[in-house]
N, C-alpha and C. Protein backbone atom coordinates (compact mmCIF):
# COMPACT_ATOMS: atom_id res chain seq x y z
N MET A 1 -49.69 36.34 21.43
CA MET A 1 -49.07 35.05 21.17
C MET A 1 -49.46 34.50 19.79
N ALA A 2 -50.74 34.62 19.46
CA ALA A 2 -51.22 34.19 18.17
C ALA A 2 -50.56 34.99 17.03
N GLN A 3 -50.38 36.29 17.26
CA GLN A 3 -49.72 37.12 16.23
C GLN A 3 -48.28 36.68 16.04
N MET A 4 -47.59 36.35 17.12
CA MET A 4 -46.20 35.87 16.94
C MET A 4 -46.16 34.56 16.16
N MET A 5 -47.10 33.65 16.43
CA MET A 5 -47.12 32.36 15.71
C MET A 5 -47.39 32.59 14.23
N MET A 6 -48.34 33.52 13.94
CA MET A 6 -48.68 33.78 12.57
C MET A 6 -47.45 34.44 11.85
N ALA A 7 -46.77 35.35 12.53
CA ALA A 7 -45.57 35.96 11.94
C ALA A 7 -44.50 34.94 11.67
N ALA A 8 -44.30 34.00 12.60
CA ALA A 8 -43.31 32.94 12.42
C ALA A 8 -43.73 32.09 11.21
N ALA A 9 -44.97 31.73 11.09
CA ALA A 9 -45.46 30.90 10.00
C ALA A 9 -45.29 31.65 8.66
N LYS A 10 -45.57 32.93 8.69
CA LYS A 10 -45.38 33.73 7.46
C LYS A 10 -43.88 33.78 7.04
N ALA A 11 -43.02 33.94 8.03
CA ALA A 11 -41.59 33.92 7.73
C ALA A 11 -41.17 32.61 7.11
N GLN A 12 -41.68 31.50 7.64
CA GLN A 12 -41.36 30.19 7.10
C GLN A 12 -41.86 30.00 5.65
N ASP A 13 -43.02 30.63 5.36
CA ASP A 13 -43.52 30.59 4.03
C ASP A 13 -42.57 31.18 3.01
N HIS A 14 -41.72 32.11 3.42
CA HIS A 14 -40.81 32.81 2.57
C HIS A 14 -39.36 32.28 2.70
N LYS A 15 -39.20 31.12 3.26
CA LYS A 15 -37.87 30.51 3.44
C LYS A 15 -37.23 30.35 2.12
N HIS A 16 -35.93 30.69 2.08
CA HIS A 16 -35.16 30.53 0.82
C HIS A 16 -33.67 30.43 1.16
N THR A 17 -32.88 30.10 0.17
CA THR A 17 -31.44 30.09 0.28
C THR A 17 -30.84 31.03 -0.78
N SER A 18 -30.06 32.00 -0.31
CA SER A 18 -29.35 32.89 -1.19
C SER A 18 -28.00 32.28 -1.49
N VAL A 19 -27.67 32.15 -2.77
CA VAL A 19 -26.39 31.48 -3.13
C VAL A 19 -25.54 32.48 -3.93
N LYS A 20 -24.32 32.69 -3.43
CA LYS A 20 -23.35 33.52 -4.15
C LYS A 20 -22.29 32.63 -4.69
N LEU A 21 -22.00 32.72 -5.97
CA LEU A 21 -21.05 31.90 -6.67
C LEU A 21 -19.91 32.76 -7.21
N ARG A 22 -18.70 32.46 -6.77
CA ARG A 22 -17.50 33.26 -7.23
C ARG A 22 -16.58 32.35 -8.06
N ASN A 23 -16.40 32.78 -9.29
CA ASN A 23 -15.56 32.01 -10.20
C ASN A 23 -14.21 32.68 -10.39
N ASP A 24 -13.17 32.12 -9.82
CA ASP A 24 -11.82 32.58 -10.01
C ASP A 24 -10.98 31.48 -10.58
N SER A 25 -11.59 30.58 -11.36
CA SER A 25 -10.92 29.37 -11.88
C SER A 25 -9.97 29.59 -13.01
N LYS A 26 -9.94 30.81 -13.53
CA LYS A 26 -9.22 31.18 -14.75
C LYS A 26 -9.89 30.69 -16.02
N HIS A 27 -11.12 30.16 -15.90
CA HIS A 27 -11.93 29.74 -17.01
C HIS A 27 -13.32 30.28 -16.83
N ASP A 28 -14.07 30.55 -17.90
CA ASP A 28 -15.49 30.78 -17.77
C ASP A 28 -16.10 29.44 -17.44
N VAL A 29 -17.19 29.44 -16.68
CA VAL A 29 -17.89 28.18 -16.34
C VAL A 29 -19.32 28.26 -16.89
N SER A 30 -19.81 27.06 -17.30
CA SER A 30 -21.15 27.00 -17.88
C SER A 30 -21.96 25.90 -17.15
N LEU A 31 -23.18 26.27 -16.80
CA LEU A 31 -24.09 25.35 -16.12
C LEU A 31 -24.42 24.19 -17.06
N ILE A 32 -24.04 22.94 -16.63
CA ILE A 32 -24.32 21.78 -17.53
C ILE A 32 -25.40 20.87 -16.95
N SER A 33 -25.64 21.01 -15.62
CA SER A 33 -26.62 20.19 -14.95
C SER A 33 -27.00 20.79 -13.65
N TYR A 34 -28.20 20.51 -13.22
CA TYR A 34 -28.64 20.89 -11.88
C TYR A 34 -29.70 19.91 -11.41
N LYS A 35 -29.89 19.90 -10.08
CA LYS A 35 -30.88 19.03 -9.48
C LYS A 35 -31.52 19.76 -8.31
N VAL A 36 -32.86 19.79 -8.33
CA VAL A 36 -33.62 20.32 -7.21
C VAL A 36 -34.31 19.20 -6.51
N TRP A 37 -33.90 18.91 -5.29
CA TRP A 37 -34.57 17.86 -4.51
C TRP A 37 -35.74 18.40 -3.74
N GLU A 38 -35.64 19.63 -3.25
CA GLU A 38 -36.72 20.29 -2.57
C GLU A 38 -36.68 21.79 -2.91
N GLY A 39 -37.88 22.34 -3.07
CA GLY A 39 -37.98 23.75 -3.37
C GLY A 39 -38.43 24.05 -4.77
N ASP A 40 -38.29 25.32 -5.18
CA ASP A 40 -38.75 25.81 -6.44
C ASP A 40 -38.06 25.13 -7.61
N GLN A 41 -38.82 24.36 -8.35
CA GLN A 41 -38.32 23.62 -9.54
C GLN A 41 -38.03 24.55 -10.73
N ASP A 42 -38.58 25.78 -10.69
CA ASP A 42 -38.44 26.68 -11.81
C ASP A 42 -37.37 27.83 -11.63
N THR A 43 -36.55 27.66 -10.67
CA THR A 43 -35.52 28.68 -10.42
C THR A 43 -34.63 28.79 -11.65
N LYS A 44 -34.35 29.97 -12.05
CA LYS A 44 -33.47 30.28 -13.19
C LYS A 44 -32.04 30.39 -12.63
N PHE A 45 -31.31 29.31 -12.60
CA PHE A 45 -29.94 29.29 -12.10
C PHE A 45 -29.04 29.95 -13.13
N PRO A 46 -27.94 30.60 -12.66
CA PRO A 46 -27.06 31.29 -13.63
C PRO A 46 -26.51 30.26 -14.64
N ARG A 47 -26.59 30.60 -15.90
CA ARG A 47 -26.17 29.74 -16.99
C ARG A 47 -24.64 29.77 -17.20
N LYS A 48 -24.08 30.95 -17.00
CA LYS A 48 -22.63 31.14 -17.28
C LYS A 48 -22.11 32.11 -16.23
N ILE A 49 -20.92 31.82 -15.75
CA ILE A 49 -20.19 32.76 -14.86
C ILE A 49 -18.80 32.95 -15.49
N VAL A 50 -18.54 34.15 -15.88
CA VAL A 50 -17.24 34.45 -16.49
C VAL A 50 -16.13 34.40 -15.41
N ASN A 51 -14.94 34.18 -15.84
CA ASN A 51 -13.84 34.18 -14.90
C ASN A 51 -13.71 35.53 -14.18
N ARG A 52 -13.48 35.49 -12.89
CA ARG A 52 -13.32 36.66 -12.01
C ARG A 52 -14.61 37.39 -11.82
N ASP A 53 -15.73 36.64 -11.84
CA ASP A 53 -17.03 37.27 -11.62
C ASP A 53 -17.76 36.53 -10.48
N VAL A 54 -18.72 37.25 -9.89
CA VAL A 54 -19.57 36.74 -8.83
C VAL A 54 -21.02 36.86 -9.28
N THR A 55 -21.80 35.87 -9.08
CA THR A 55 -23.21 35.96 -9.38
C THR A 55 -24.04 35.37 -8.23
N GLU A 56 -25.28 35.78 -8.15
CA GLU A 56 -26.13 35.34 -7.07
C GLU A 56 -27.43 34.81 -7.60
N VAL A 57 -28.01 33.90 -6.81
CA VAL A 57 -29.32 33.35 -7.13
C VAL A 57 -30.03 33.08 -5.83
N THR A 58 -31.33 33.23 -5.81
CA THR A 58 -32.16 32.89 -4.66
C THR A 58 -33.01 31.67 -5.02
N HIS A 59 -32.91 30.61 -4.18
CA HIS A 59 -33.73 29.41 -4.40
C HIS A 59 -34.78 29.39 -3.30
N ASN A 60 -36.02 29.50 -3.69
CA ASN A 60 -37.15 29.48 -2.72
C ASN A 60 -37.49 28.09 -2.33
N ALA A 61 -37.85 27.93 -1.04
CA ALA A 61 -38.33 26.69 -0.53
C ALA A 61 -39.77 26.51 -1.00
N GLY A 62 -40.17 25.23 -1.03
CA GLY A 62 -41.61 24.92 -1.28
C GLY A 62 -42.39 25.17 -0.03
N ARG A 63 -43.68 25.08 -0.10
CA ARG A 63 -44.52 25.34 1.04
C ARG A 63 -44.34 24.37 2.19
N LYS A 64 -44.05 23.10 1.84
CA LYS A 64 -43.96 22.06 2.89
C LYS A 64 -42.55 21.55 3.08
N ASN A 65 -41.63 22.04 2.27
CA ASN A 65 -40.30 21.49 2.37
C ASN A 65 -39.26 22.64 2.37
N GLY A 66 -38.02 22.32 2.23
CA GLY A 66 -37.00 23.36 2.24
C GLY A 66 -36.43 23.67 0.90
N SER A 67 -35.21 24.14 0.89
CA SER A 67 -34.45 24.45 -0.30
C SER A 67 -33.26 23.51 -0.36
N VAL A 68 -33.28 22.54 -1.19
CA VAL A 68 -32.21 21.54 -1.30
C VAL A 68 -31.92 21.34 -2.79
N ALA A 69 -30.71 21.71 -3.19
CA ALA A 69 -30.44 21.70 -4.66
C ALA A 69 -28.93 21.59 -4.88
N GLY A 70 -28.58 21.29 -6.15
CA GLY A 70 -27.21 21.23 -6.55
C GLY A 70 -27.05 21.78 -8.00
N LEU A 71 -25.87 22.36 -8.22
CA LEU A 71 -25.51 22.92 -9.53
C LEU A 71 -24.20 22.37 -9.93
N ALA A 72 -24.04 22.07 -11.22
CA ALA A 72 -22.78 21.57 -11.80
C ALA A 72 -22.36 22.50 -12.91
N TYR A 73 -21.21 23.14 -12.76
CA TYR A 73 -20.67 24.05 -13.79
C TYR A 73 -19.42 23.38 -14.38
N GLU A 74 -19.35 23.39 -15.69
CA GLU A 74 -18.15 22.88 -16.39
C GLU A 74 -17.21 24.04 -16.71
N MET A 75 -15.93 23.84 -16.41
CA MET A 75 -14.92 24.85 -16.70
C MET A 75 -14.57 24.70 -18.19
N MET A 76 -14.83 25.79 -18.93
CA MET A 76 -14.59 25.79 -20.37
C MET A 76 -13.11 25.62 -20.61
N ASN A 77 -12.74 24.94 -21.67
CA ASN A 77 -11.37 24.65 -22.03
C ASN A 77 -10.67 23.74 -21.07
N ASP A 78 -11.41 23.08 -20.13
CA ASP A 78 -10.78 22.22 -19.18
C ASP A 78 -11.62 20.92 -19.04
N GLY A 79 -12.94 21.04 -18.90
CA GLY A 79 -13.82 19.88 -18.78
C GLY A 79 -14.10 19.46 -17.40
N LYS A 80 -13.37 19.98 -16.37
CA LYS A 80 -13.67 19.61 -14.99
C LYS A 80 -14.95 20.31 -14.61
N LYS A 81 -15.68 19.68 -13.62
CA LYS A 81 -16.94 20.24 -13.17
C LYS A 81 -16.86 20.68 -11.71
N TRP A 82 -17.40 21.85 -11.45
CA TRP A 82 -17.51 22.45 -10.11
C TRP A 82 -18.94 22.17 -9.63
N VAL A 83 -19.09 21.39 -8.60
CA VAL A 83 -20.40 20.98 -8.12
C VAL A 83 -20.62 21.61 -6.77
N VAL A 84 -21.70 22.42 -6.64
CA VAL A 84 -22.09 23.08 -5.42
C VAL A 84 -23.48 22.59 -5.02
N THR A 85 -23.65 22.19 -3.73
CA THR A 85 -24.93 21.69 -3.29
C THR A 85 -25.22 22.25 -1.91
N TRP A 86 -26.48 22.45 -1.59
CA TRP A 86 -26.88 22.95 -0.29
C TRP A 86 -28.15 22.28 0.11
N SER A 87 -28.34 22.18 1.43
CA SER A 87 -29.55 21.62 2.04
C SER A 87 -30.02 22.61 3.10
N ASN A 88 -31.13 23.18 2.91
CA ASN A 88 -31.74 24.12 3.85
C ASN A 88 -33.17 23.62 4.14
N PRO A 89 -33.24 22.48 4.88
CA PRO A 89 -34.54 21.87 5.18
C PRO A 89 -35.27 22.59 6.25
N ARG A 90 -36.58 22.49 6.29
CA ARG A 90 -37.37 23.08 7.34
C ARG A 90 -37.06 22.36 8.65
N GLY A 91 -36.80 23.16 9.72
CA GLY A 91 -36.63 22.60 11.05
C GLY A 91 -35.26 21.99 11.32
N GLU A 92 -34.28 22.13 10.40
CA GLU A 92 -32.98 21.57 10.58
C GLU A 92 -31.90 22.58 10.16
N ASP A 93 -30.70 22.45 10.65
CA ASP A 93 -29.58 23.31 10.27
C ASP A 93 -29.25 23.12 8.78
N SER A 94 -28.80 24.15 8.14
CA SER A 94 -28.39 24.06 6.74
C SER A 94 -26.99 23.50 6.64
N THR A 95 -26.72 22.77 5.50
CA THR A 95 -25.44 22.22 5.23
C THR A 95 -25.12 22.42 3.80
N VAL A 96 -23.83 22.32 3.49
CA VAL A 96 -23.35 22.44 2.06
C VAL A 96 -22.31 21.35 1.78
N TYR A 97 -22.19 21.10 0.49
CA TYR A 97 -21.16 20.11 0.06
C TYR A 97 -20.66 20.59 -1.30
N VAL A 98 -19.35 20.64 -1.50
CA VAL A 98 -18.76 21.08 -2.77
C VAL A 98 -17.82 19.96 -3.24
N ASP A 99 -17.69 19.83 -4.57
CA ASP A 99 -16.79 18.85 -5.11
C ASP A 99 -16.30 19.34 -6.48
N ILE A 100 -15.22 18.75 -6.93
CA ILE A 100 -14.66 19.00 -8.26
C ILE A 100 -14.63 17.64 -8.94
N VAL A 101 -15.27 17.53 -10.08
CA VAL A 101 -15.49 16.21 -10.71
C VAL A 101 -14.85 16.20 -12.09
N ASP A 102 -14.28 15.05 -12.43
CA ASP A 102 -13.80 14.84 -13.81
C ASP A 102 -14.55 13.61 -14.33
N GLY A 103 -15.59 13.87 -15.10
CA GLY A 103 -16.46 12.81 -15.60
C GLY A 103 -17.91 13.19 -15.45
N ASP A 104 -18.76 12.16 -15.49
CA ASP A 104 -20.20 12.40 -15.41
C ASP A 104 -20.65 12.86 -14.00
N ILE A 105 -21.77 13.56 -13.98
CA ILE A 105 -22.38 13.99 -12.73
C ILE A 105 -23.36 12.90 -12.30
N ASP A 106 -23.12 12.35 -11.11
CA ASP A 106 -24.02 11.34 -10.53
C ASP A 106 -24.76 11.99 -9.37
N TRP A 107 -25.96 12.53 -9.65
CA TRP A 107 -26.71 13.25 -8.63
C TRP A 107 -27.13 12.42 -7.45
N ASP A 108 -27.32 11.13 -7.66
CA ASP A 108 -27.65 10.22 -6.51
C ASP A 108 -26.45 10.16 -5.57
N GLN A 109 -25.24 10.01 -6.06
CA GLN A 109 -24.08 9.98 -5.21
C GLN A 109 -23.83 11.32 -4.56
N ILE A 110 -24.00 12.41 -5.30
CA ILE A 110 -23.79 13.71 -4.80
C ILE A 110 -24.76 14.01 -3.63
N LYS A 111 -26.00 13.56 -3.80
CA LYS A 111 -27.00 13.76 -2.68
C LYS A 111 -26.60 12.95 -1.47
N LYS A 112 -26.08 11.73 -1.68
CA LYS A 112 -25.57 10.96 -0.51
C LYS A 112 -24.42 11.68 0.17
N ASP A 113 -23.50 12.24 -0.62
CA ASP A 113 -22.40 13.03 -0.07
C ASP A 113 -22.86 14.22 0.70
N LEU A 114 -23.85 14.94 0.15
CA LEU A 114 -24.41 16.09 0.85
C LEU A 114 -25.02 15.65 2.16
N ASP A 115 -25.79 14.56 2.15
CA ASP A 115 -26.46 14.07 3.35
C ASP A 115 -25.42 13.56 4.39
N ASN A 116 -24.38 12.88 3.95
CA ASN A 116 -23.44 12.25 4.85
C ASN A 116 -22.20 13.11 5.23
N LEU A 117 -21.78 13.94 4.28
CA LEU A 117 -20.55 14.71 4.50
C LEU A 117 -20.80 16.21 4.64
N GLY A 118 -22.00 16.64 4.30
CA GLY A 118 -22.36 18.06 4.34
C GLY A 118 -22.22 18.64 5.74
N ASP A 119 -21.81 19.88 5.81
CA ASP A 119 -21.62 20.56 7.10
C ASP A 119 -21.85 22.06 6.84
N SER A 120 -21.56 22.90 7.79
CA SER A 120 -21.73 24.34 7.59
C SER A 120 -20.67 24.90 6.65
N SER A 121 -19.64 24.10 6.39
CA SER A 121 -18.66 24.51 5.35
C SER A 121 -18.11 23.18 4.73
N SER A 122 -17.57 23.36 3.48
CA SER A 122 -17.09 22.25 2.72
C SER A 122 -15.97 22.72 1.83
N ASP A 123 -14.95 21.88 1.66
CA ASP A 123 -13.77 22.20 0.81
C ASP A 123 -13.46 21.02 -0.08
N ALA A 124 -12.90 21.27 -1.25
CA ALA A 124 -12.40 20.20 -2.13
C ALA A 124 -11.19 20.73 -2.81
N VAL A 125 -10.16 19.89 -2.91
CA VAL A 125 -8.95 20.27 -3.63
C VAL A 125 -8.64 19.08 -4.54
N ARG A 126 -8.88 19.28 -5.83
CA ARG A 126 -8.69 18.15 -6.79
C ARG A 126 -8.39 18.76 -8.16
N PHE A 127 -7.70 18.02 -9.00
CA PHE A 127 -7.43 18.34 -10.41
C PHE A 127 -6.91 19.74 -10.64
N GLY A 128 -6.11 20.27 -9.70
CA GLY A 128 -5.54 21.56 -9.84
C GLY A 128 -6.39 22.72 -9.40
N TYR A 129 -7.51 22.44 -8.74
CA TYR A 129 -8.43 23.52 -8.25
C TYR A 129 -8.69 23.35 -6.78
N ARG A 130 -9.07 24.46 -6.19
CA ARG A 130 -9.59 24.51 -4.80
C ARG A 130 -10.97 25.09 -4.82
N ALA A 131 -11.90 24.39 -4.20
CA ALA A 131 -13.25 24.96 -4.12
C ALA A 131 -13.72 24.93 -2.67
N GLY A 132 -14.60 25.81 -2.35
CA GLY A 132 -15.12 25.88 -1.00
C GLY A 132 -16.52 26.43 -0.95
N MET A 133 -17.25 26.11 0.13
CA MET A 133 -18.58 26.63 0.35
C MET A 133 -18.73 26.83 1.87
N VAL A 134 -19.56 27.82 2.21
CA VAL A 134 -19.83 28.07 3.60
C VAL A 134 -21.27 28.61 3.76
N VAL A 135 -21.92 28.25 4.87
CA VAL A 135 -23.25 28.80 5.18
C VAL A 135 -23.02 29.90 6.23
N ASP A 136 -23.55 31.08 6.01
CA ASP A 136 -23.29 32.18 6.97
C ASP A 136 -23.86 31.92 8.33
N ASP A 137 -25.07 31.33 8.38
CA ASP A 137 -25.76 31.06 9.60
C ASP A 137 -26.57 29.76 9.45
N PRO A 138 -26.00 28.61 9.79
CA PRO A 138 -26.75 27.39 9.56
C PRO A 138 -28.12 27.26 10.20
N GLN A 139 -28.39 28.04 11.19
CA GLN A 139 -29.69 27.94 11.89
C GLN A 139 -30.70 28.96 11.35
N ALA A 140 -30.27 29.85 10.44
CA ALA A 140 -31.16 30.85 9.89
C ALA A 140 -32.20 30.20 8.97
N CYS A 141 -33.38 30.84 8.96
CA CYS A 141 -34.46 30.38 8.06
C CYS A 141 -34.04 30.51 6.62
N SER A 142 -33.35 31.62 6.33
CA SER A 142 -32.97 31.91 4.93
C SER A 142 -31.49 32.33 4.93
N PRO A 143 -30.60 31.35 4.93
CA PRO A 143 -29.19 31.65 5.03
C PRO A 143 -28.59 32.10 3.68
N ILE A 144 -27.39 32.63 3.77
CA ILE A 144 -26.58 32.98 2.57
C ILE A 144 -25.50 31.91 2.52
N VAL A 145 -25.39 31.28 1.33
CA VAL A 145 -24.41 30.29 1.00
C VAL A 145 -23.41 30.94 0.04
N THR A 146 -22.14 30.91 0.35
CA THR A 146 -21.12 31.42 -0.57
C THR A 146 -20.21 30.30 -1.04
N ALA A 147 -20.01 30.22 -2.36
CA ALA A 147 -19.20 29.17 -2.94
C ALA A 147 -18.14 29.86 -3.86
N TYR A 148 -16.95 29.24 -3.93
CA TYR A 148 -15.93 29.74 -4.81
C TYR A 148 -15.14 28.58 -5.44
N ILE A 149 -14.51 28.89 -6.56
CA ILE A 149 -13.54 27.97 -7.13
C ILE A 149 -12.34 28.80 -7.66
N GLU A 150 -11.11 28.25 -7.44
CA GLU A 150 -9.94 28.95 -7.84
C GLU A 150 -8.84 27.91 -8.11
N PRO A 151 -7.74 28.33 -8.78
CA PRO A 151 -6.67 27.39 -8.96
C PRO A 151 -6.04 27.00 -7.63
N ARG A 152 -5.60 25.77 -7.53
CA ARG A 152 -4.89 25.34 -6.30
C ARG A 152 -3.56 26.02 -6.30
N THR A 153 -3.18 26.57 -5.16
CA THR A 153 -1.86 27.21 -5.08
C THR A 153 -0.90 26.44 -4.23
């Protein structure tokens, strides 16, 4: 029994969120802002994602908290922002929230939206784009989050 508890504690120590980002927006996108509410503050988030490419990043949880963060990518030659956020707190189901923004990034409002509107999947259709996010297993210790942006059809 003690070994099982130690193994579970060790697994929790390695809690993380794997994030896959697919850019089909017809524009290259560039990271203009990010916010880490919980977890590794030094994560090297992808700086640029070229059109028709997929990139991945792993965000590690802190020792006492989870992995809760947001990324804002600006579509080059357009100015709209693709905002992806996830919440993978310890002891709770993971949620995601995606948005498309025209203007400044308000991380306080985005965090409220993540907390109040976040779910196991999220969609946004605005400004000629469609964006979506989904958590593969909301109850997993270290889920995979997949996000995409594409032109609205």
